[in-house]
């Protein structure tokens, strides 16, 4: 009798241990009889099914579990019976989902069934966290982490699907290539945090211009690509490109800054322009660069001539690396007219590149490449030395002129920039007052850099400081007072809007007058660039602007022609000076 008692107690302990083990398992355990009626449910099973063990006992397993496989309902009882019939363990394929009774909470599961002597047991693992992590990794692999847009890999897949659809339904696709104009200047002057926010807002605006069936992706850096599907005409794609360009024209409000951001857009059409994905992307890229050369912030459809006219970015950069050593750079000078004295008192130095194959290349086509690389530093030093040497020659000819030179952000923040400029001036025997450094307003509002200290070093050399493109939205008016500047150069768009018969001229004229008045109050001179008509010149004279330059007065010319313009000073008297 005692022996039987000990045997029963041992069996009970083993049963308790088995039950404790089942409760401790990191899975839901559901035991059924051979008819699929629930006889056991552990605590995880209670949590996943939404039933207490007592309530589940005696129910069919199909009533306990609402399981779906790839969106199709699965009969759990049928699964258990199939397991018993086969007398083998069965496992569900990936993608199974359980909807918990009571609150319909979705739980991603992986389950298996195993036959037993008097029934079967089902194990369900909650894999929601794992599948969520997999989904996040999948998203990261196919999307840009900053903007959340598809990346190039994902775009390639969408492009392939789009072409397959276009072939079946005989419709068109449009590929748009977008590049943010002068984005590097924003990064250099305001920092990468502001630049990142510009990219996010840029992506948002572009997405608002397209349909759900279209795709906007980030190509990399400040380049984006857009796939427009199910188009009936090529003009449909061109209209969307124009719509995007307009949407980007409104100022970007990033914190305390109001930034003027624009993008050049190239358009290529499938299958009209090409039926190969890579070739179509290349042609949209060519069209974008053609748009940028024509007028920044505009869009342009690919044309066959662009293939031969365009010289690739990579080849230009390669050629630029040897251009300085081969003495292919030259400086031309655009005369600046003193509007009170009606004579040339200064010039603006503008670089040209005598390319052996392309001929005379304008700055718009190569300066961005220089500024993206460290090449701008040695080339910038050459510009300074050449301009100072030319200033020296004009002094010797008895025609002293103030030479204005542009400084990029990379140059401005170069270590020992003021000391290097001082050495150039000293070697040439030229006073610093003969040189005016033009620095974009956006560069001077970077609070992470000691801009004022750098400007004061230039001032100690006697150089004049000009704040360029003032009024562009990147710098508030109080910056005029903050920095030790001598000259304000008005943003060209304000000059463009000075039209006598334009309905908006009064408002724009008021802006120019306000800048002139404020600058004069602070004892600063005002320069207007981009003067192209007699009407603009007359209005600037009436507003008491100090200096002007532009095509109406003269294009940029070689140094010898500047000397001729000075000698023919009477030519300036024939210009229209009155409103």
Protein backbone atom coordinates (compact mmCIF):
# COMPACT_ATOMS: atom_id res chain seq x y z
CA UNK A 1 0.00 0.00 0.00
CA UNK A 2 2.81 2.42 0.95
CA UNK A 3 4.58 1.50 -2.24
CA UNK A 4 1.49 2.38 -4.30
CA UNK A 5 1.13 5.67 -2.43
CA UNK A 6 4.75 6.58 -3.18
CA UNK A 7 4.20 5.69 -6.83
CA UNK A 8 1.11 7.92 -7.06
CA UNK A 9 2.90 10.80 -5.35
CA UNK A 10 5.80 10.42 -7.78
CA UNK A 11 3.41 10.46 -10.70
CA UNK A 12 1.72 13.56 -9.31
CA UNK A 13 5.06 15.34 -8.93
CA UNK A 14 6.03 14.47 -12.47
CA UNK A 15 2.64 15.70 -13.70
CA UNK A 16 3.05 18.95 -11.75
CA UNK A 17 6.52 19.39 -13.21
CA UNK A 18 5.19 18.76 -16.71
CA UNK A 19 2.39 21.27 -16.19
CA UNK A 20 4.87 23.81 -14.80
CA UNK A 21 7.06 23.26 -17.86
CA UNK A 22 4.11 23.78 -20.19
CA UNK A 23 3.22 26.99 -18.37
CA UNK A 24 6.81 28.21 -18.62
CA UNK A 25 7.16 27.59 -22.36
CA UNK A 26 7.52 30.83 -24.45
CA UNK A 27 4.64 29.68 -26.65
CA UNK A 28 0.90 29.09 -26.44
CA UNK A 29 0.21 25.38 -25.84
CA UNK A 30 -3.24 24.00 -26.68
CA UNK A 31 -4.04 20.32 -26.14
CA UNK A 32 -7.07 18.70 -27.80
CA UNK A 33 -8.66 15.27 -28.05
CA UNK A 34 -8.87 13.44 -31.36
CA UNK A 35 -12.00 15.42 -32.28
CA UNK A 36 -10.27 18.78 -31.87
CA UNK A 37 -11.99 19.63 -28.55
CA UNK A 38 -9.77 21.71 -26.24
CA UNK A 39 -8.64 19.91 -23.11
CA UNK A 40 -5.65 22.04 -22.05
CA UNK A 41 -4.59 25.67 -22.42
CA UNK A 42 -1.50 27.22 -20.80
CA UNK A 43 -1.24 30.85 -19.66
CA UNK A 44 0.25 32.06 -22.95
CA UNK A 45 -2.56 30.28 -24.74
CA UNK A 46 -5.02 32.22 -22.61
CA UNK A 47 -3.30 35.52 -23.48
CA UNK A 48 -3.13 34.80 -27.22
CA UNK A 49 -6.62 33.32 -27.63
CA UNK A 50 -8.48 35.70 -25.34
CA UNK A 51 -10.09 32.76 -23.46
CA UNK A 52 -9.53 31.64 -19.85
CA UNK A 53 -8.56 27.97 -19.56
CA UNK A 54 -11.85 27.12 -17.86
CA UNK A 55 -13.86 28.79 -20.63
CA UNK A 56 -11.82 27.13 -23.37
CA UNK A 57 -12.17 23.60 -21.96
CA UNK A 58 -14.70 21.66 -24.04
CA UNK A 59 -14.77 24.09 -26.99
CA UNK A 60 -13.67 23.17 -30.46
CA UNK A 61 -10.26 24.63 -31.30
CA UNK A 62 -11.72 26.37 -34.38
CA UNK A 63 -13.97 28.37 -32.04
CA UNK A 64 -10.94 29.26 -29.93
CA UNK A 65 -8.58 30.44 -32.67
CA UNK A 66 -9.30 32.79 -35.59
CA UNK A 67 -6.28 32.06 -37.76
CA UNK A 68 -5.57 33.53 -41.22
CA UNK A 69 -2.90 32.51 -43.71
CA UNK A 70 -2.06 35.22 -46.30
CA UNK A 71 -5.47 36.78 -45.68
CA UNK A 72 -7.43 33.51 -46.01
CA UNK A 73 -9.21 32.01 -42.98
CA UNK A 74 -7.72 28.73 -41.73
CA UNK A 75 -9.80 26.07 -39.89
CA UNK A 76 -7.64 25.20 -36.87
CA UNK A 77 -9.73 22.06 -36.20
CA UNK A 78 -9.03 20.86 -39.74
CA UNK A 79 -5.32 21.48 -39.16
CA UNK A 80 -5.39 19.31 -36.02
CA UNK A 81 -7.29 16.48 -37.75
CA UNK A 82 -4.90 16.56 -40.69
CA UNK A 83 -1.99 16.26 -38.25
CA UNK A 84 -3.57 13.16 -36.63
CA UNK A 85 -4.38 11.62 -39.98
CA UNK A 86 -0.80 11.99 -41.19
CA UNK A 87 0.62 11.07 -37.79
CA UNK A 88 3.30 13.69 -38.39
CA UNK A 89 4.21 17.14 -37.16
CA UNK A 90 2.88 19.87 -39.45
CA UNK A 91 4.14 23.47 -39.53
CA UNK A 92 2.44 26.55 -40.95
CA UNK A 93 4.16 28.53 -43.66
CA UNK A 94 5.18 32.12 -42.94
CA UNK A 95 2.53 34.79 -42.91
CA UNK A 96 0.04 33.34 -40.41
CA UNK A 97 -1.97 35.79 -38.35
CA UNK A 98 -4.15 35.30 -35.28
CA UNK A 99 -7.00 37.67 -34.44
CA UNK A 100 -7.49 37.48 -30.69
CA UNK A 101 -11.07 37.01 -29.53
CA UNK A 102 -12.56 39.96 -27.69
CA UNK A 103 -10.43 42.83 -28.98
CA UNK A 104 -9.46 41.51 -32.46
CA UNK A 105 -5.80 42.32 -31.80
CA UNK A 106 -3.64 41.15 -34.68
CA UNK A 107 -0.82 38.80 -33.60
CA UNK A 108 1.72 37.49 -36.10
CA UNK A 109 2.22 33.82 -35.29
CA UNK A 110 4.15 30.76 -36.31
CA UNK A 111 2.42 27.51 -35.31
CA UNK A 112 2.86 23.75 -35.50
CA UNK A 113 0.74 20.68 -34.66
CA UNK A 114 2.00 17.40 -33.26
CA UNK A 115 0.01 14.14 -32.90
CA UNK A 116 -0.29 12.45 -29.49
CA UNK A 117 -1.70 9.10 -28.35
CA UNK A 118 -5.12 10.47 -27.39
CA UNK A 119 -5.22 13.74 -29.32
CA UNK A 120 -2.93 16.47 -30.54
CA UNK A 121 -1.08 19.53 -29.30
CA UNK A 122 -0.72 22.89 -31.06
CA UNK A 123 2.12 25.33 -30.30
CA UNK A 124 1.75 28.97 -31.32
CA UNK A 125 4.71 31.39 -31.16
CA UNK A 126 4.11 35.16 -31.14
CA UNK A 127 6.54 36.43 -33.79
CA UNK A 128 5.10 39.97 -34.06
CA UNK A 129 8.30 41.61 -32.75
CA UNK A 130 10.49 39.60 -35.11
CA UNK A 131 8.31 40.30 -38.14
CA UNK A 132 8.16 43.98 -37.17
CA UNK A 133 11.97 44.08 -37.04
CA UNK A 134 12.15 42.29 -40.39
CA UNK A 135 9.70 44.78 -41.88
CA UNK A 136 11.77 47.68 -40.54
CA UNK A 137 14.95 46.18 -42.00
CA UNK A 138 13.15 45.65 -45.30
CA UNK A 139 12.02 49.29 -45.26
CA UNK A 140 15.52 50.54 -44.45
CA UNK A 141 16.95 48.44 -47.29
CA UNK A 142 14.58 50.03 -49.81
CA UNK A 143 14.07 53.56 -48.48
CA UNK A 144 16.06 56.69 -47.72
CA UNK A 145 16.40 57.06 -43.93
CA UNK A 146 16.16 60.88 -43.95
CA UNK A 147 13.13 61.50 -46.18
CA UNK A 148 11.45 58.09 -46.04
CA UNK A 149 11.32 58.05 -49.85
CA UNK A 150 12.17 54.94 -51.89
CA UNK A 151 15.87 54.64 -52.61
CA UNK A 152 17.48 53.83 -55.94
CA UNK A 153 17.06 50.05 -55.48
CA UNK A 154 13.34 50.36 -54.75
CA UNK A 155 12.92 52.88 -57.57
CA UNK A 156 14.53 50.43 -60.00
CA UNK A 157 11.91 47.81 -59.08
CA UNK A 158 9.07 50.33 -59.48
CA UNK A 159 10.53 51.41 -62.80
CA UNK A 160 10.62 47.83 -64.11
CA UNK A 161 7.01 47.27 -63.06
CA UNK A 162 6.02 50.58 -64.63
CA UNK A 163 7.61 49.68 -67.97
CA UNK A 164 5.90 46.27 -67.94
CA UNK A 165 2.55 47.99 -67.33
CA UNK A 166 3.22 50.58 -70.05
CA UNK A 167 3.98 47.84 -72.58
CA UNK A 168 0.78 45.93 -71.74
CA UNK A 169 -1.48 48.98 -71.81
CA UNK A 170 0.38 50.98 -74.49
CA UNK A 171 0.79 54.10 -72.39
CA UNK A 172 3.73 56.40 -71.59
CA UNK A 173 6.02 56.89 -68.62
CA UNK A 174 7.84 60.08 -67.66
CA UNK A 175 11.09 60.12 -65.73
CA UNK A 176 11.90 63.40 -63.95
CA UNK A 177 15.39 64.12 -62.64
CA UNK A 178 15.50 66.90 -60.00
CA UNK A 179 18.57 68.64 -58.62
CA UNK A 180 18.36 71.33 -55.92
CA UNK A 181 20.09 74.48 -57.12
CA UNK A 182 22.93 75.76 -54.91
CA UNK A 183 22.11 73.29 -52.13
CA UNK A 184 25.77 73.10 -51.13
CA UNK A 185 25.66 76.78 -50.18
CA UNK A 186 22.86 76.03 -47.69
CA UNK A 187 24.86 73.20 -46.12
CA UNK A 188 28.06 75.24 -45.98
CA UNK A 189 26.50 78.41 -44.58
CA UNK A 190 23.70 77.12 -42.32
CA UNK A 191 24.92 73.64 -41.43
CA UNK A 192 23.82 70.11 -42.29
CA UNK A 193 20.90 70.10 -39.85
CA UNK A 194 19.22 72.90 -41.78
CA UNK A 195 20.20 71.20 -45.04
CA UNK A 196 18.53 67.97 -43.90
CA UNK A 197 15.33 69.84 -43.03
CA UNK A 198 15.36 71.43 -46.49
CA UNK A 199 15.63 67.95 -48.05
CA UNK A 200 12.69 66.66 -45.99
CA UNK A 201 10.50 69.66 -46.92
CA UNK A 202 11.62 69.36 -50.56
CA UNK A 203 10.56 65.69 -50.62
CA UNK A 204 7.19 66.56 -49.05
CA UNK A 205 6.42 69.24 -51.65
CA UNK A 206 7.36 67.02 -54.57
CA UNK A 207 5.16 64.19 -53.24
CA UNK A 208 2.22 66.57 -53.05
CA UNK A 209 2.57 67.25 -56.78
CA UNK A 210 2.15 63.64 -57.93
CA UNK A 211 -0.46 60.86 -57.71
CA UNK A 212 -0.39 57.73 -55.56
CA UNK A 213 0.48 55.62 -58.61
CA UNK A 214 3.62 57.72 -59.16
CA UNK A 215 6.92 57.29 -57.34
CA UNK A 216 9.24 59.90 -55.82
CA UNK A 217 12.68 58.63 -54.82
CA UNK A 218 15.89 60.12 -53.53
CA UNK A 219 18.74 59.45 -55.92
CA UNK A 220 21.35 60.65 -53.43
CA UNK A 221 22.60 63.93 -51.99
CA UNK A 222 20.40 66.72 -53.36
CA UNK A 223 19.14 64.70 -56.35
CA UNK A 224 15.65 63.21 -56.63
CA UNK A 225 13.91 61.18 -59.32
CA UNK A 226 10.20 60.92 -60.08
CA UNK A 227 8.42 58.18 -62.06
CA UNK A 228 5.10 59.22 -63.59
CA UNK A 229 3.05 56.26 -64.84
CA UNK A 230 -0.09 55.76 -66.96
CA UNK A 231 0.42 58.90 -69.05
CA UNK A 232 -1.45 59.49 -72.30
CA UNK A 233 0.82 62.22 -73.72
CA UNK A 234 4.36 63.46 -73.18
CA UNK A 235 2.94 66.88 -72.34
CA UNK A 236 1.34 65.34 -69.23
CA UNK A 237 4.82 64.65 -67.85
CA UNK A 238 6.08 68.12 -68.75
CA UNK A 239 3.12 69.73 -66.98
CA UNK A 240 3.90 67.83 -63.77
CA UNK A 241 7.54 68.97 -63.99
CA UNK A 242 6.37 72.59 -64.28
CA UNK A 243 3.97 72.05 -61.36
CA UNK A 244 6.85 70.79 -59.19
CA UNK A 245 9.04 73.76 -60.12
CA UNK A 246 6.20 76.13 -59.09
CA UNK A 247 5.59 74.29 -55.82
CA UNK A 248 9.24 74.73 -54.86
CA UNK A 249 9.23 78.48 -55.57
CA UNK A 250 7.59 79.43 -52.25
CA UNK A 251 10.15 80.17 -49.46
CA UNK A 252 11.23 77.25 -47.28
CA UNK A 253 10.67 78.25 -43.64
CA UNK A 254 13.29 76.36 -41.65
CA UNK A 255 13.37 77.57 -38.06
CA UNK A 256 14.25 81.26 -38.12
CA UNK A 257 15.34 81.17 -41.77
CA UNK A 258 13.28 81.89 -44.86
CA UNK A 259 15.17 80.21 -47.68
CA UNK A 260 14.78 80.61 -51.42
CA UNK A 261 15.08 77.05 -52.74
CA UNK A 262 14.69 76.02 -56.37
CA UNK A 263 15.35 72.90 -58.40
CA UNK A 264 16.17 72.26 -62.03
CA UNK A 265 14.07 69.45 -63.55
CA UNK A 266 14.89 67.26 -66.53
CA UNK A 267 12.19 65.19 -68.27
CA UNK A 268 12.58 62.04 -70.38
CA UNK A 269 9.66 60.03 -71.81
CA UNK A 270 9.32 56.26 -72.26
CA UNK A 271 9.32 54.98 -74.97
CA UNK A 272 9.64 58.20 -77.02
CA UNK A 273 13.12 59.14 -75.75
CA UNK A 274 14.36 55.61 -74.99
CA UNK A 275 13.10 52.19 -73.89
CA UNK A 276 16.08 51.32 -71.69
CA UNK A 277 15.91 52.24 -68.00
CA UNK A 278 19.54 53.35 -67.61
CA UNK A 279 19.51 55.30 -70.87
CA UNK A 280 16.27 57.05 -69.93
CA UNK A 281 17.73 58.05 -66.55
CA UNK A 282 20.84 59.42 -68.27
CA UNK A 283 18.73 61.47 -70.68
CA UNK A 284 16.61 62.92 -67.89
CA UNK A 285 19.89 63.86 -66.18
CA UNK A 286 21.13 65.57 -69.37
CA UNK A 287 17.86 67.50 -69.64
CA UNK A 288 18.18 68.61 -66.02
CA UNK A 289 21.67 70.03 -66.61
CA UNK A 290 20.42 71.75 -69.77
CA UNK A 291 17.62 73.33 -67.71
CA UNK A 292 20.14 74.44 -65.11
CA UNK A 293 22.29 76.09 -67.77
CA UNK A 294 19.30 77.83 -69.32
CA UNK A 295 17.73 79.16 -66.11
CA UNK A 296 17.86 77.64 -62.64
CA UNK A 297 14.55 76.61 -61.15
CA UNK A 298 13.05 75.56 -64.50
CA UNK A 299 12.19 72.29 -66.25
CA UNK A 300 13.20 71.03 -69.69
CA UNK A 301 12.28 68.01 -71.84
CA UNK A 302 15.12 65.92 -73.26
CA UNK A 303 16.09 66.70 -76.84
CA UNK A 304 18.45 64.74 -79.09
CA UNK A 305 20.95 67.60 -79.34
CA UNK A 306 21.64 67.46 -75.61
CA UNK A 307 23.50 64.17 -76.02
CA UNK A 308 26.25 65.78 -78.08
CA UNK A 309 26.17 69.20 -76.43
CA UNK A 310 26.49 67.91 -72.89
CA UNK A 311 29.84 67.12 -71.40
CA UNK A 312 29.52 64.75 -68.42
CA UNK A 313 30.01 65.96 -64.88
CA UNK A 314 32.72 63.34 -64.28
CA UNK A 315 34.71 64.39 -67.37
CA UNK A 316 34.46 68.06 -66.43
CA UNK A 317 35.77 67.32 -62.95
CA UNK A 318 38.65 65.31 -64.41
CA UNK A 319 39.56 68.15 -66.79
CA UNK A 320 39.25 70.76 -64.04
CA UNK A 321 41.95 69.00 -62.01
CA UNK A 322 44.53 69.89 -64.64
CA UNK A 323 43.04 73.18 -65.88
CA UNK A 324 44.92 75.34 -63.36
CA UNK A 325 48.27 73.72 -64.09
CA UNK A 326 47.65 74.06 -67.85
CA UNK A 327 46.76 77.77 -67.42
CA UNK A 328 43.32 77.32 -68.96
CA UNK A 329 41.58 79.74 -66.58
CA UNK A 330 41.26 83.44 -67.44
CA UNK A 331 39.61 86.38 -65.69
CA UNK A 332 37.22 88.72 -67.44
CA UNK A 333 36.00 91.92 -65.81
CA UNK A 334 32.55 93.51 -65.85
CA UNK A 335 32.66 97.28 -65.33
CA UNK A 336 30.82 98.79 -62.36
CA UNK A 337 29.48 102.26 -63.00
CA UNK A 338 29.35 104.91 -60.30
CA UNK A 339 25.85 106.33 -60.87
CA UNK A 340 26.63 109.74 -59.36
CA UNK A 341 29.94 110.34 -61.11
CA UNK A 342 28.81 108.48 -64.27
CA UNK A 343 32.14 106.76 -64.71
CA UNK A 344 33.71 103.34 -64.17
CA UNK A 345 35.25 103.13 -60.71
CA UNK A 346 35.38 99.39 -60.27
CA UNK A 347 35.05 95.98 -61.90
CA UNK A 348 33.70 92.58 -60.96
CA UNK A 349 36.13 89.69 -61.62
CA UNK A 350 34.50 86.73 -63.37
CA UNK A 351 36.30 83.50 -64.24
CA UNK A 352 36.23 81.78 -67.62
CA UNK A 353 37.63 78.38 -68.62
CA UNK A 354 39.31 77.93 -71.99
CA UNK A 355 38.48 74.25 -72.46
CA UNK A 356 40.41 72.56 -75.30
CA UNK A 357 37.28 70.82 -76.66
CA UNK A 358 34.37 72.93 -75.41
CA UNK A 359 35.82 76.37 -76.01
CA UNK A 360 35.10 79.18 -73.54
CA UNK A 361 33.10 77.67 -70.66
CA UNK A 362 31.01 79.94 -68.43
CA UNK A 363 31.21 79.78 -64.60
CA UNK A 364 27.69 78.35 -64.25
CA UNK A 365 28.90 75.16 -65.93
CA UNK A 366 32.00 74.51 -63.83
CA UNK A 367 31.94 76.57 -60.61
CA UNK A 368 29.50 74.19 -58.86
CA UNK A 369 31.94 71.34 -59.54
CA UNK A 370 34.84 73.36 -58.13
CA UNK A 371 32.82 74.25 -55.04
CA UNK A 372 31.83 70.63 -54.41
CA UNK A 373 35.48 69.66 -54.20
CA UNK A 374 38.64 71.05 -52.68
CA UNK A 375 39.59 72.39 -56.12
CA UNK A 376 37.95 75.72 -55.27
CA UNK A 377 40.77 76.47 -52.80
CA UNK A 378 43.78 76.51 -55.17
CA UNK A 379 41.66 78.00 -57.97
CA UNK A 380 40.35 80.66 -55.57
CA UNK A 381 43.90 81.55 -54.58
CA UNK A 382 44.77 81.89 -58.28
CA UNK A 383 41.78 84.20 -58.83
CA UNK A 384 42.88 86.41 -55.93
CA UNK A 385 46.49 86.59 -57.13
CA UNK A 386 45.46 87.29 -60.75
CA UNK A 387 42.95 89.99 -59.75
CA UNK A 388 45.50 91.71 -57.50
CA UNK A 389 48.11 91.59 -60.28
CA UNK A 390 45.61 93.16 -62.69
CA UNK A 391 44.71 95.84 -60.13
CA UNK A 392 48.43 96.61 -59.94
CA UNK A 393 48.63 97.04 -63.75
CA UNK A 394 45.68 99.44 -63.76
CA UNK A 395 47.33 101.47 -61.00
CA UNK A 396 50.49 101.68 -63.07
CA UNK A 397 48.41 102.90 -66.03
CA UNK A 398 46.96 105.63 -63.85
CA UNK A 399 43.49 104.02 -63.87
CA UNK A 400 43.02 102.63 -60.35
CA UNK A 401 39.91 100.44 -60.08
CA UNK A 402 38.37 98.54 -57.20
CA UNK A 403 38.25 94.84 -58.12
CA UNK A 404 35.36 92.82 -56.67
CA UNK A 405 35.97 89.10 -56.06
CA UNK A 406 33.45 86.47 -54.99
CA UNK A 407 34.30 84.19 -52.06
CA UNK A 408 32.59 80.79 -51.66
CA UNK A 409 31.74 79.36 -48.25
CA UNK A 410 34.57 76.83 -48.51
CA UNK A 411 37.06 79.63 -49.20
CA UNK A 412 35.65 81.90 -46.49
CA UNK A 413 36.15 79.29 -43.77
CA UNK A 414 39.55 78.17 -45.03
CA UNK A 415 42.19 78.29 -42.31
CA UNK A 416 44.43 81.38 -42.57
CA UNK A 417 42.47 82.80 -45.52
CA UNK A 418 43.11 86.40 -44.39
CA UNK A 419 46.83 85.79 -43.89
CA UNK A 420 47.09 84.24 -47.38
CA UNK A 421 45.31 87.20 -48.95
CA UNK A 422 47.56 89.57 -47.04
CA UNK A 423 50.64 87.83 -48.45
CA UNK A 424 49.26 88.19 -52.01
CA UNK A 425 48.62 91.91 -51.52
CA UNK A 426 52.04 92.49 -50.01
CA UNK A 427 53.83 90.59 -52.80
CA UNK A 428 52.07 92.68 -55.46
CA UNK A 429 52.48 95.96 -53.59
CA UNK A 430 48.73 96.65 -53.78
CA UNK A 431 46.71 98.27 -51.00
CA UNK A 432 43.85 96.24 -49.59
CA UNK A 433 41.45 99.08 -50.45
CA UNK A 434 41.76 98.11 -54.12
CA UNK A 435 40.04 94.78 -53.44
CA UNK A 436 36.40 94.19 -52.52
CA UNK A 437 35.41 90.73 -51.26
CA UNK A 438 31.82 89.76 -52.05
CA UNK A 439 30.42 87.21 -49.60
CA UNK A 440 26.92 85.72 -49.96
CA UNK A 441 24.50 86.77 -47.22
CA UNK A 442 23.70 83.13 -46.46
CA UNK A 443 27.32 82.41 -45.48
CA UNK A 444 27.30 85.11 -42.81
CA UNK A 445 24.35 83.77 -40.80
CA UNK A 446 26.01 80.54 -39.71
CA UNK A 447 26.09 80.89 -35.95
CA UNK A 448 28.42 77.92 -35.64
CA UNK A 449 31.22 79.91 -37.25
CA UNK A 450 32.97 83.08 -36.10
CA UNK A 451 32.09 85.08 -39.21
CA UNK A 452 32.66 88.49 -37.64
CA UNK A 453 36.22 87.65 -36.59
CA UNK A 454 37.09 86.57 -40.15
CA UNK A 455 35.54 89.73 -41.61
CA UNK A 456 37.51 91.91 -39.21
CA UNK A 457 40.75 90.24 -40.33
CA UNK A 458 39.91 91.24 -43.91
CA UNK A 459 39.13 94.79 -42.73
CA UNK A 460 42.52 95.02 -41.02
CA UNK A 461 44.05 94.42 -44.46
CA UNK A 462 42.10 97.43 -45.75
CA UNK A 463 39.78 95.34 -47.94
CA UNK A 464 36.20 96.34 -48.57
CA UNK A 465 33.48 93.83 -47.63
CA UNK A 466 30.36 93.41 -49.76
CA UNK A 467 27.31 91.38 -48.67
CA UNK A 468 26.14 89.68 -51.84
CA UNK A 469 22.58 88.89 -52.99
CA UNK A 470 21.08 90.85 -50.12
CA UNK A 471 17.30 90.46 -49.80
CA UNK A 472 17.25 86.84 -50.99
CA UNK A 473 15.48 85.78 -47.78
CA UNK A 474 18.48 84.08 -46.22
CA UNK A 475 19.50 87.03 -44.03
CA UNK A 476 17.32 89.50 -42.12
CA UNK A 477 17.95 93.23 -42.49
CA UNK A 478 19.52 93.62 -39.06
CA UNK A 479 22.56 91.69 -40.34
CA UNK A 480 23.61 94.88 -42.12
CA UNK A 481 24.30 96.43 -38.72
CA UNK A 482 25.90 93.36 -37.20
CA UNK A 483 28.72 92.83 -39.69
CA UNK A 484 31.60 95.20 -40.54
CA UNK A 485 30.57 95.50 -44.19
CA UNK A 486 31.02 98.42 -46.60
CA UNK A 487 28.78 97.48 -49.51
CA UNK A 488 25.40 95.83 -50.05
CA UNK A 489 24.72 94.11 -53.39
CA UNK A 490 20.98 93.87 -54.03
CA UNK A 491 19.59 90.44 -54.95
CA UNK A 492 19.13 90.27 -58.75
CA UNK A 493 15.45 89.25 -58.64
CA UNK A 494 14.59 92.68 -57.19
CA UNK A 495 16.37 94.34 -60.10
CA UNK A 496 14.55 92.07 -62.58
CA UNK A 497 11.22 93.25 -61.16
CA UNK A 498 11.96 96.91 -61.75
CA UNK A 499 9.65 97.27 -64.73
CA UNK A 500 7.94 100.60 -65.39
CA UNK A 501 4.71 99.01 -66.68
CA UNK A 502 4.70 95.95 -64.40
CA UNK A 503 1.81 95.93 -61.93
CA UNK A 504 4.09 94.73 -59.12
CA UNK A 505 6.79 97.36 -59.71
CA UNK A 506 5.67 99.67 -56.92
CA UNK A 507 6.04 96.94 -54.30
CA UNK A 508 9.37 95.74 -55.67
CA UNK A 509 10.63 99.29 -56.04
CA UNK A 510 9.73 99.89 -52.40
CA UNK A 511 11.95 96.94 -51.43
CA UNK A 512 14.91 98.33 -53.36
CA UNK A 513 14.35 101.79 -51.90
CA UNK A 514 14.20 100.30 -48.37
CA UNK A 515 17.53 98.49 -48.83
CA UNK A 516 19.16 101.62 -50.26
CA UNK A 517 17.84 103.80 -47.42
CA UNK A 518 18.90 101.39 -44.68
CA UNK A 519 22.37 100.89 -46.19
CA UNK A 520 22.92 104.64 -46.52
CA UNK A 521 21.83 105.14 -42.91
CA UNK A 522 24.58 102.71 -41.93
CA UNK A 523 27.11 104.56 -44.16
CA UNK A 524 27.23 101.68 -46.66
CA UNK A 525 27.25 101.82 -50.45
CA UNK A 526 24.68 99.95 -52.55
CA UNK A 527 25.45 98.05 -55.76
CA UNK A 528 22.79 96.76 -58.19
CA UNK A 529 23.78 93.84 -60.40
CA UNK A 530 22.06 92.45 -63.48
CA UNK A 531 20.92 95.77 -64.94
CA UNK A 532 19.56 94.95 -68.38
CA UNK A 533 17.39 97.91 -69.43
CA UNK A 534 17.50 101.68 -69.53
CA UNK A 535 14.35 101.75 -67.37
CA UNK A 536 16.03 99.77 -64.60
CA UNK A 537 19.08 102.05 -64.67
CA UNK A 538 16.92 105.18 -64.53
CA UNK A 539 14.94 103.88 -61.56
CA UNK A 540 18.12 102.96 -59.70
CA UNK A 541 19.50 106.47 -60.27
CA UNK A 542 16.24 107.95 -58.94
CA UNK A 543 16.49 105.71 -55.86
CA UNK A 544 20.05 107.00 -55.25
CA UNK A 545 21.69 103.61 -55.71
CA UNK A 546 25.48 104.09 -55.75
CA UNK A 547 26.74 101.66 -58.40
CA UNK A 548 25.38 99.33 -61.07
CA UNK A 549 26.58 96.72 -63.52
CA UNK A 550 24.93 94.44 -66.05
CA UNK A 551 24.54 93.74 -69.77
CA UNK A 552 22.90 97.12 -70.42
CA UNK A 553 26.18 98.74 -69.40
CA UNK A 554 28.65 96.11 -70.56
CA UNK A 555 29.27 92.40 -70.56
CA UNK A 556 32.35 90.95 -68.85
CA UNK A 557 35.37 91.63 -71.05
CA UNK A 558 39.13 91.07 -71.18
CA UNK A 559 41.32 93.55 -69.21
CA UNK A 560 42.39 95.43 -72.35
CA UNK A 561 38.77 96.20 -73.23
CA UNK A 562 38.17 97.59 -69.73
CA UNK A 563 40.97 100.07 -70.36
CA UNK A 564 39.26 101.09 -73.58
CA UNK A 565 35.91 101.57 -71.83
CA UNK A 566 37.54 103.87 -69.27
CA UNK A 567 39.15 105.96 -71.99
CA UNK A 568 35.78 106.27 -73.79
CA UNK A 569 34.16 107.66 -70.65
CA UNK A 570 31.89 109.87 -72.77
CA UNK A 571 30.04 106.72 -73.87
CA UNK A 572 28.41 106.52 -70.46
CA UNK A 573 26.95 110.00 -70.84
CA UNK A 574 24.76 108.76 -73.67
CA UNK A 575 22.87 106.33 -71.46
CA UNK A 576 19.33 106.98 -70.26
CA UNK A 577 19.56 108.35 -66.72
CA UNK A 578 16.08 109.73 -66.17
CA UNK A 579 12.86 107.98 -65.20
